[in-house]
Amino acid sequence: MSKLGWIVGPITMLCFAAVTLTSALLLSNCHRSTDSDLHTHDSYLDVVRSVLGNRSAWFCSIIVGINFIKLGIVYTITSAISIGCVNNWE
């Protein structure tokens, strides 16, 4: 059963890498696209503001901020658990 992690783990990492690559390509296409003012978008929120309006950009900025805080907490907990497991390794 422990070998299953060595098989599924790299496959899962490749799937997440594909999703990350796809989202990066989509964001770069949004950055290069222009609107009626003939300028490129400087940030993700500029794209949201251009496509969906100011209210959606405000909502998106709140969601992105909460997501960054959540990721910091999750990474801290995960690294603490990993360090604890390495410390108890025999």
PDB file of N, CA and C in Angstrom:
ATOM      1  N   MET A   1       0.813  -1.192   0.000  1.00  0.00           N
ATOM      2  CA  MET A   1       0.000   0.000   0.000  1.00  0.00           C
ATOM      3  C   MET A   1       0.861   1.263   0.000  1.00  0.00           C
ATOM      4  N   SER A   2       2.048   1.204   0.594  1.00  0.00           N
ATOM      5  CA  SER A   2       2.894   2.394   0.644  1.00  0.00           C
ATOM      6  C   SER A   2       3.436   2.757  -0.740  1.00  0.00           C
ATOM      7  N   LYS A   3       3.518   1.786  -1.623  1.00  0.00           N
ATOM      8  CA  LYS A   3       3.994   2.073  -2.977  1.00  0.00           C
ATOM      9  C   LYS A   3       2.963   2.853  -3.781  1.00  0.00           C
ATOM     10  N   LEU A   4       1.709   2.787  -3.359  1.00  0.00           N
ATOM     11  CA  LEU A   4       0.659   3.520  -4.054  1.00  0.00           C
ATOM     12  C   LEU A   4       0.920   5.025  -4.003  1.00  0.00           C
ATOM     13  N   GLY A   5       1.440   5.504  -2.892  1.00  0.00           N
ATOM     14  CA  GLY A   5       1.768   6.925  -2.773  1.00  0.00           C
ATOM     15  C   GLY A   5       2.860   7.353  -3.730  1.00  0.00           C
ATOM     16  N   TRP A   6       3.810   6.466  -3.994  1.00  0.00           N
ATOM     17  CA  TRP A   6       4.882   6.781  -4.931  1.00  0.00           C
ATOM     18  C   TRP A   6       4.379   6.801  -6.367  1.00  0.00           C
ATOM     19  N   ILE A   7       3.279   6.132  -6.623  1.00  0.00           N
ATOM     20  CA  ILE A   7       2.706   6.127  -7.972  1.00  0.00           C
ATOM     21  C   ILE A   7       1.723   7.285  -8.144  1.00  0.00           C
ATOM     22  N   VAL A   8       0.809   7.419  -7.194  1.00  0.00           N
ATOM     23  CA  VAL A   8      -0.240   8.430  -7.309  1.00  0.00           C
ATOM     24  C   VAL A   8       0.303   9.830  -7.027  1.00  0.00           C
ATOM     25  N   GLY A   9       1.290   9.954  -6.160  1.00  0.00           N
ATOM     26  CA  GLY A   9       1.844  11.262  -5.809  1.00  0.00           C
ATOM     27  C   GLY A   9       2.396  12.030  -7.002  1.00  0.00           C
ATOM     28  N   PRO A  10       3.320  11.444  -7.774  1.00  0.00           N
ATOM     29  CA  PRO A  10       3.828  12.165  -8.946  1.00  0.00           C
ATOM     30  C   PRO A  10       2.756  12.442 -10.003  1.00  0.00           C
ATOM     31  N   ILE A  11       1.814  11.519 -10.155  1.00  0.00           N
ATOM     32  CA  ILE A  11       0.728  11.753 -11.115  1.00  0.00           C
ATOM     33  C   ILE A  11      -0.115  12.944 -10.672  1.00  0.00           C
ATOM     34  N   THR A  12      -0.403  13.017  -9.382  1.00  0.00           N
ATOM     35  CA  THR A  12      -1.172  14.146  -8.854  1.00  0.00           C
ATOM     36  C   THR A  12      -0.407  15.452  -9.016  1.00  0.00           C
ATOM     37  N   MET A  13       0.908  15.430  -8.765  1.00  0.00           N
ATOM     38  CA  MET A  13       1.704  16.643  -8.936  1.00  0.00           C
ATOM     39  C   MET A  13       1.715  17.090 -10.392  1.00  0.00           C
ATOM     40  N   LEU A  14       1.761  16.154 -11.324  1.00  0.00           N
ATOM     41  CA  LEU A  14       1.705  16.517 -12.739  1.00  0.00           C
ATOM     42  C   LEU A  14       0.355  17.120 -13.111  1.00  0.00           C
ATOM     43  N   CYS A  15      -0.716  16.596 -12.532  1.00  0.00           N
ATOM     44  CA  CYS A  15      -2.050  17.164 -12.789  1.00  0.00           C
ATOM     45  C   CYS A  15      -2.137  18.590 -12.265  1.00  0.00           C
ATOM     46  N   PHE A  16      -1.635  18.830 -11.050  1.00  0.00           N
ATOM     47  CA  PHE A  16      -1.646  20.187 -10.505  1.00  0.00           C
ATOM     48  C   PHE A  16      -0.745  21.114 -11.317  1.00  0.00           C
ATOM     49  N   ALA A  17       0.372  20.594 -11.823  1.00  0.00           N
ATOM     50  CA  ALA A  17       1.242  21.408 -12.670  1.00  0.00           C
ATOM     51  C   ALA A  17       0.527  21.793 -13.962  1.00  0.00           C
ATOM     52  N   ALA A  18      -0.253  20.876 -14.523  1.00  0.00           N
ATOM     53  CA  ALA A  18      -1.007  21.182 -15.740  1.00  0.00           C
ATOM     54  C   ALA A  18      -2.064  22.255 -15.481  1.00  0.00           C
ATOM     55  N   VAL A  19      -2.733  22.171 -14.346  1.00  0.00           N
ATOM     56  CA  VAL A  19      -3.732  23.193 -13.998  1.00  0.00           C
ATOM     57  C   VAL A  19      -3.055  24.542 -13.786  1.00  0.00           C
ATOM     58  N   THR A  20      -1.904  24.555 -13.125  1.00  0.00           N
ATOM     59  CA  THR A  20      -1.170  25.799 -12.897  1.00  0.00           C
ATOM     60  C   THR A  20      -0.707  26.406 -14.214  1.00  0.00           C
ATOM     61  N   LEU A  21      -0.210  25.573 -15.118  1.00  0.00           N
ATOM     62  CA  LEU A  21       0.233  26.061 -16.422  1.00  0.00           C
ATOM     63  C   LEU A  21      -0.933  26.646 -17.207  1.00  0.00           C
ATOM     64  N   THR A  22      -2.071  25.963 -17.179  1.00  0.00           N
ATOM     65  CA  THR A  22      -3.250  26.454 -17.894  1.00  0.00           C
ATOM     66  C   THR A  22      -3.710  27.794 -17.345  1.00  0.00           C
ATOM     67  N   SER A  23      -3.762  27.924 -16.030  1.00  0.00           N
ATOM     68  CA  SER A  23      -4.197  29.199 -15.450  1.00  0.00           C
ATOM     69  C   SER A  23      -3.184  30.305 -15.732  1.00  0.00           C
ATOM     70  N   ALA A  24      -1.896  29.987 -15.744  1.00  0.00           N
ATOM     71  CA  ALA A  24      -0.884  30.998 -16.065  1.00  0.00           C
ATOM     72  C   ALA A  24      -1.017  31.458 -17.515  1.00  0.00           C
ATOM     73  N   LEU A  25      -1.283  30.528 -18.416  1.00  0.00           N
ATOM     74  CA  LEU A  25      -1.472  30.903 -19.821  1.00  0.00           C
ATOM     75  C   LEU A  25      -2.721  31.755 -20.005  1.00  0.00           C
ATOM     76  N   LEU A  26      -3.796  31.409 -19.304  1.00  0.00           N
ATOM     77  CA  LEU A  26      -5.016  32.211 -19.395  1.00  0.00           C
ATOM     78  C   LEU A  26      -4.791  33.622 -18.859  1.00  0.00           C
ATOM     79  N   LEU A  27      -4.072  33.733 -17.741  1.00  0.00           N
ATOM     80  CA  LEU A  27      -3.794  35.057 -17.186  1.00  0.00           C
ATOM     81  C   LEU A  27      -2.895  35.882 -18.101  1.00  0.00           C
ATOM     82  N   SER A  28      -1.916  35.242 -18.746  1.00  0.00           N
ATOM     83  CA  SER A  28      -1.053  35.998 -19.656  1.00  0.00           C
ATOM     84  C   SER A  28      -1.830  36.457 -20.882  1.00  0.00           C
ATOM     85  N   ASN A  29      -2.789  35.651 -21.348  1.00  0.00           N
ATOM     86  CA  ASN A  29      -3.631  36.086 -22.459  1.00  0.00           C
ATOM     87  C   ASN A  29      -4.505  37.261 -22.047  1.00  0.00           C
ATOM     88  N   CYS A  30      -5.006  37.244 -20.824  1.00  0.00           N
ATOM     89  CA  CYS A  30      -5.803  38.372 -20.329  1.00  0.00           C
ATOM     90  C   CYS A  30      -4.948  39.622 -20.193  1.00  0.00           C
ATOM     91  N   HIS A  31      -3.702  39.463 -19.801  1.00  0.00           N
ATOM     92  CA  HIS A  31      -2.802  40.612 -19.651  1.00  0.00           C
ATOM     93  C   HIS A  31      -2.532  41.260 -21.006  1.00  0.00           C
ATOM     94  N   ARG A  32      -2.361  40.436 -22.026  1.00  0.00           N
ATOM     95  CA  ARG A  32      -2.045  40.976 -23.344  1.00  0.00           C
ATOM     96  C   ARG A  32      -3.264  41.521 -24.064  1.00  0.00           C
ATOM     97  N   SER A  33      -4.456  41.066 -23.678  1.00  0.00           N
ATOM     98  CA  SER A  33      -5.650  41.559 -24.363  1.00  0.00           C
ATOM     99  C   SER A  33      -5.879  43.020 -24.007  1.00  0.00           C
ATOM    100  N   THR A  34      -6.410  43.738 -24.921  1.00  0.00           N
ATOM    101  CA  THR A  34      -6.652  45.158 -24.699  1.00  0.00           C
ATOM    102  C   THR A  34      -8.142  45.427 -24.697  1.00  0.00           C
ATOM    103  N   ASP A  35      -8.516  46.478 -24.041  1.00  0.00           N
ATOM    104  CA  ASP A  35      -9.906  46.902 -24.077  1.00  0.00           C
ATOM    105  C   ASP A  35      -9.998  48.182 -24.899  1.00  0.00           C
ATOM    106  N   SER A  36     -11.070  48.913 -24.739  1.00  0.00           N
ATOM    107  CA  SER A  36     -11.300  50.083 -25.586  1.00  0.00           C
ATOM    108  C   SER A  36     -10.272  51.190 -25.374  1.00  0.00           C
ATOM    109  N   ASP A  37      -9.586  51.203 -24.252  1.00  0.00           N
ATOM    110  CA  ASP A  37      -8.589  52.243 -23.982  1.00  0.00           C
ATOM    111  C   ASP A  37      -7.227  51.936 -24.587  1.00  0.00           C
ATOM    112  N   LEU A  38      -7.086  50.796 -25.233  1.00  0.00           N
ATOM    113  CA  LEU A  38      -5.843  50.383 -25.891  1.00  0.00           C
ATOM    114  C   LEU A  38      -4.651  50.332 -24.932  1.00  0.00           C
ATOM    115  N   HIS A  39      -4.832  49.694 -23.795  1.00  0.00           N
ATOM    116  CA  HIS A  39      -3.723  49.461 -22.866  1.00  0.00           C
ATOM    117  C   HIS A  39      -3.817  48.027 -22.345  1.00  0.00           C
ATOM    118  N   THR A  40      -2.678  47.506 -21.921  1.00  0.00           N
ATOM    119  CA  THR A  40      -2.691  46.156 -21.362  1.00  0.00           C
ATOM    120  C   THR A  40      -3.098  46.228 -19.899  1.00  0.00           C
ATOM    121  N   HIS A  41      -3.578  45.125 -19.399  1.00  0.00           N
ATOM    122  CA  HIS A  41      -4.002  45.058 -18.005  1.00  0.00           C
ATOM    123  C   HIS A  41      -2.784  44.793 -17.131  1.00  0.00           C
ATOM    124  N   ASP A  42      -2.646  45.564 -16.066  1.00  0.00           N
ATOM    125  CA  ASP A  42      -1.470  45.458 -15.210  1.00  0.00           C
ATOM    126  C   ASP A  42      -1.601  44.394 -14.135  1.00  0.00           C
ATOM    127  N   SER A  43      -2.814  44.011 -13.774  1.00  0.00           N
ATOM    128  CA  SER A  43      -2.993  43.022 -12.717  1.00  0.00           C
ATOM    129  C   SER A  43      -4.233  42.189 -13.008  1.00  0.00           C
ATOM    130  N   TYR A  44      -4.366  41.141 -12.226  1.00  0.00           N
ATOM    131  CA  TYR A  44      -5.532  40.273 -12.352  1.00  0.00           C
ATOM    132  C   TYR A  44      -6.810  41.046 -12.044  1.00  0.00           C
ATOM    133  N   LEU A  45      -6.748  41.927 -11.069  1.00  0.00           N
ATOM    134  CA  LEU A  45      -7.932  42.714 -10.716  1.00  0.00           C
ATOM    135  C   LEU A  45      -8.303  43.700 -11.815  1.00  0.00           C
ATOM    136  N   ASP A  46      -7.320  44.186 -12.577  1.00  0.00           N
ATOM    137  CA  ASP A  46      -7.642  45.034 -13.724  1.00  0.00           C
ATOM    138  C   ASP A  46      -8.431  44.267 -14.777  1.00  0.00           C
ATOM    139  N   VAL A  47      -8.073  43.005 -14.965  1.00  0.00           N
ATOM    140  CA  VAL A  47      -8.816  42.169 -15.912  1.00  0.00           C
ATOM    141  C   VAL A  47     -10.241  41.972 -15.422  1.00  0.00           C
ATOM    142  N   VAL A  48     -10.398  41.666 -14.137  1.00  0.00           N
ATOM    143  CA  VAL A  48     -11.741  41.465 -13.581  1.00  0.00           C
ATOM    144  C   VAL A  48     -12.545  42.751 -13.694  1.00  0.00           C
ATOM    145  N   ARG A  49     -11.928  43.874 -13.390  1.00  0.00           N
ATOM    146  CA  ARG A  49     -12.622  45.164 -13.474  1.00  0.00           C
ATOM    147  C   ARG A  49     -13.036  45.466 -14.911  1.00  0.00           C
ATOM    148  N   SER A  50     -12.166  45.144 -15.863  1.00  0.00           N
ATOM    149  CA  SER A  50     -12.467  45.413 -17.261  1.00  0.00           C
ATOM    150  C   SER A  50     -13.588  44.524 -17.782  1.00  0.00           C
ATOM    151  N   VAL A  51     -13.590  43.266 -17.356  1.00  0.00           N
ATOM    152  CA  VAL A  51     -14.573  42.317 -17.877  1.00  0.00           C
ATOM    153  C   VAL A  51     -15.875  42.358 -17.094  1.00  0.00           C
ATOM    154  N   LEU A  52     -15.798  42.393 -15.760  1.00  0.00           N
ATOM    155  CA  LEU A  52     -16.996  42.236 -14.935  1.00  0.00           C
ATOM    156  C   LEU A  52     -17.461  43.501 -14.221  1.00  0.00           C
ATOM    157  N   GLY A  53     -16.622  44.523 -14.125  1.00  0.00           N
ATOM    158  CA  GLY A  53     -17.038  45.762 -13.479  1.00  0.00           C
ATOM    159  C   GLY A  53     -16.394  45.959 -12.112  1.00  0.00           C
ATOM    160  N   ASN A  54     -16.631  47.145 -11.535  1.00  0.00           N
ATOM    161  CA  ASN A  54     -15.991  47.518 -10.268  1.00  0.00           C
ATOM    162  C   ASN A  54     -16.465  46.678  -9.089  1.00  0.00           C
ATOM    163  N   ARG A  55     -17.746  46.375  -9.047  1.00  0.00           N
ATOM    164  CA  ARG A  55     -18.282  45.605  -7.920  1.00  0.00           C
ATOM    165  C   ARG A  55     -17.664  44.206  -7.862  1.00  0.00           C
ATOM    166  N   SER A  56     -17.536  43.565  -9.009  1.00  0.00           N
ATOM    167  CA  SER A  56     -16.922  42.235  -9.045  1.00  0.00           C
ATOM    168  C   SER A  56     -15.438  42.300  -8.720  1.00  0.00           C
ATOM    169  N   ALA A  57     -14.762  43.373  -9.126  1.00  0.00           N
ATOM    170  CA  ALA A  57     -13.342  43.523  -8.800  1.00  0.00           C
ATOM    171  C   ALA A  57     -13.155  43.674  -7.296  1.00  0.00           C
ATOM    172  N   TRP A  58     -14.037  44.413  -6.643  1.00  0.00           N
ATOM    173  CA  TRP A  58     -13.980  44.570  -5.192  1.00  0.00           C
ATOM    174  C   TRP A  58     -14.181  43.221  -4.510  1.00  0.00           C
ATOM    175  N   PHE A  59     -15.186  42.469  -4.955  1.00  0.00           N
ATOM    176  CA  PHE A  59     -15.462  41.147  -4.391  1.00  0.00           C
ATOM    177  C   PHE A  59     -14.290  40.202  -4.636  1.00  0.00           C
ATOM    178  N   CYS A  60     -13.714  40.251  -5.827  1.00  0.00           N
ATOM    179  CA  CYS A  60     -12.579  39.384  -6.165  1.00  0.00           C
ATOM    180  C   CYS A  60     -11.362  39.711  -5.305  1.00  0.00           C
ATOM    181  N   SER A  61     -11.128  40.992  -5.030  1.00  0.00           N
ATOM    182  CA  SER A  61      -9.975  41.352  -4.199  1.00  0.00           C
ATOM    183  C   SER A  61     -10.128  40.823  -2.779  1.00  0.00           C
ATOM    184  N   ILE A  62     -11.346  40.807  -2.260  1.00  0.00           N
ATOM    185  CA  ILE A  62     -11.581  40.237  -0.929  1.00  0.00           C
ATOM    186  C   ILE A  62     -11.317  38.737  -0.943  1.00  0.00           C
ATOM    187  N   ILE A  63     -11.821  38.048  -1.957  1.00  0.00           N
ATOM    188  CA  ILE A  63     -11.634  36.597  -2.056  1.00  0.00           C
ATOM    189  C   ILE A  63     -10.153  36.253  -2.209  1.00  0.00           C
ATOM    190  N   VAL A  64      -9.427  37.003  -3.032  1.00  0.00           N
ATOM    191  CA  VAL A  64      -7.995  36.739  -3.221  1.00  0.00           C
ATOM    192  C   VAL A  64      -7.232  36.969  -1.918  1.00  0.00           C
ATOM    193  N   GLY A  65      -7.560  38.023  -1.190  1.00  0.00           N
ATOM    194  CA  GLY A  65      -6.904  38.283   0.095  1.00  0.00           C
ATOM    195  C   GLY A  65      -7.154  37.182   1.104  1.00  0.00           C
ATOM    196  N   ILE A  66      -8.408  36.733   1.205  1.00  0.00           N
ATOM    197  CA  ILE A  66      -8.737  35.627   2.113  1.00  0.00           C
ATOM    198  C   ILE A  66      -7.991  34.364   1.706  1.00  0.00           C
ATOM    199  N   ASN A  67      -7.884  34.132   0.395  1.00  0.00           N
ATOM    200  CA  ASN A  67      -7.185  32.941  -0.087  1.00  0.00           C
ATOM    201  C   ASN A  67      -5.700  32.981   0.285  1.00  0.00           C
ATOM    202  N   PHE A  68      -5.051  34.144   0.180  1.00  0.00           N
ATOM    203  CA  PHE A  68      -3.639  34.252   0.567  1.00  0.00           C
ATOM    204  C   PHE A  68      -3.448  33.999   2.056  1.00  0.00           C
ATOM    205  N   ILE A  69      -4.330  34.536   2.881  1.00  0.00           N
ATOM    206  CA  ILE A  69      -4.240  34.304   4.325  1.00  0.00           C
ATOM    207  C   ILE A  69      -4.432  32.822   4.632  1.00  0.00           C
ATOM    208  N   LYS A  70      -5.423  32.210   3.993  1.00  0.00           N
ATOM    209  CA  LYS A  70      -5.698  30.788   4.201  1.00  0.00           C
ATOM    210  C   LYS A  70      -4.500  29.937   3.788  1.00  0.00           C
ATOM    211  N   LEU A  71      -3.885  30.256   2.655  1.00  0.00           N
ATOM    212  CA  LEU A  71      -2.725  29.485   2.205  1.00  0.00           C
ATOM    213  C   LEU A  71      -1.557  29.604   3.174  1.00  0.00           C
ATOM    214  N   GLY A  72      -1.342  30.786   3.726  1.00  0.00           N
ATOM    215  CA  GLY A  72      -0.280  30.950   4.716  1.00  0.00           C
ATOM    216  C   GLY A  72      -0.501  30.092   5.942  1.00  0.00           C
ATOM    217  N   ILE A  73      -1.740  30.039   6.420  1.00  0.00           N
ATOM    218  CA  ILE A  73      -2.065  29.211   7.587  1.00  0.00           C
ATOM    219  C   ILE A  73      -1.883  27.737   7.263  1.00  0.00           C
ATOM    220  N   VAL A  74      -2.388  27.316   6.106  1.00  0.00           N
ATOM    221  CA  VAL A  74      -2.294  25.898   5.726  1.00  0.00           C
ATOM    222  C   VAL A  74      -0.839  25.477   5.555  1.00  0.00           C
ATOM    223  N   TYR A  75      -0.013  26.312   4.904  1.00  0.00           N
ATOM    224  CA  TYR A  75       1.394  25.965   4.734  1.00  0.00           C
ATOM    225  C   TYR A  75       2.119  25.900   6.070  1.00  0.00           C
ATOM    226  N   THR A  76       1.788  26.775   6.989  1.00  0.00           N
ATOM    227  CA  THR A  76       2.411  26.746   8.313  1.00  0.00           C
ATOM    228  C   THR A  76       2.062  25.465   9.052  1.00  0.00           C
ATOM    229  N   ILE A  77       0.792  25.080   9.043  1.00  0.00           N
ATOM    230  CA  ILE A  77       0.366  23.850   9.722  1.00  0.00           C
ATOM    231  C   ILE A  77       0.993  22.629   9.068  1.00  0.00           C
ATOM    232  N   THR A  78       0.985  22.590   7.740  1.00  0.00           N
ATOM    233  CA  THR A  78       1.550  21.439   7.030  1.00  0.00           C
ATOM    234  C   THR A  78       3.045  21.309   7.271  1.00  0.00           C
ATOM    235  N   SER A  79       3.761  22.421   7.246  1.00  0.00           N
ATOM    236  CA  SER A  79       5.205  22.330   7.492  1.00  0.00           C
ATOM    237  C   SER A  79       5.499  21.930   8.932  1.00  0.00           C
ATOM    238  N   ALA A  80       4.690  22.377   9.885  1.00  0.00           N
ATOM    239  CA  ALA A  80       4.893  21.965  11.280  1.00  0.00           C
ATOM    240  C   ALA A  80       4.663  20.468  11.446  1.00  0.00           C
ATOM    241  N   ILE A  81       3.637  19.941  10.810  1.00  0.00           N
ATOM    242  CA  ILE A  81       3.376  18.496  10.877  1.00  0.00           C
ATOM    243  C   ILE A  81       4.518  17.724  10.223  1.00  0.00           C
ATOM    244  N   SER A  82       5.005  18.214   9.075  1.00  0.00           N
ATOM    245  CA  SER A  82       6.101  17.527   8.389  1.00  0.00           C
ATOM    246  C   SER A  82       7.378  17.545   9.216  1.00  0.00           C
ATOM    247  N   ILE A  83       7.681  18.669   9.834  1.00  0.00           N
ATOM    248  CA  ILE A  83       8.874  18.754  10.682  1.00  0.00           C
ATOM    249  C   ILE A  83       8.740  17.828  11.881  1.00  0.00           C
ATOM    250  N   GLY A  84       7.531  17.745  12.446  1.00  0.00           N
ATOM    251  CA  GLY A  84       7.298  16.820  13.561  1.00  0.00           C
ATOM    252  C   GLY A  84       7.494  15.373  13.157  1.00  0.00           C
ATOM    253  N   CYS A  85       7.044  15.016  11.952  1.00  0.00           N
ATOM    254  CA  CYS A  85       7.229  13.639  11.473  1.00  0.00           C
ATOM    255  C   CYS A  85       8.700  13.334  11.226  1.00  0.00           C
ATOM    256  N   VAL A  86       9.431  14.284  10.673  1.00  0.00           N
ATOM    257  CA  VAL A  86      10.858  14.074  10.437  1.00  0.00           C
ATOM    258  C   VAL A  86      11.594  13.971  11.764  1.00  0.00           C
ATOM    259  N   ASN A  87      11.188  14.739  12.744  1.00  0.00           N
ATOM    260  CA  ASN A  87      11.820  14.712  14.057  1.00  0.00           C
ATOM    261  C   ASN A  87      11.604  13.365  14.747  1.00  0.00           C
ATOM    262  N   ASN A  88      10.451  12.744  14.529  1.00  0.00           N
ATOM    263  CA  ASN A  88      10.147  11.454  15.156  1.00  0.00           C
ATOM    264  C   ASN A  88      10.603  10.258  14.328  1.00  0.00           C
ATOM    265  N   TRP A  89      11.239  10.502  13.219  1.00  0.00           N
ATOM    266  CA  TRP A  89      11.690   9.428  12.333  1.00  0.00           C
ATOM    267  C   TRP A  89      12.778   8.627  13.031  1.00  0.00           C
ATOM    268  N   GLU A  90      12.684   7.330  12.940  1.00  0.00           N
ATOM    269  CA  GLU A  90      13.692   6.484  13.605  1.00  0.00           C
ATOM    270  C   GLU A  90      14.650   5.899  12.630  1.00  0.00           C
TER     271      GLU A  90
END
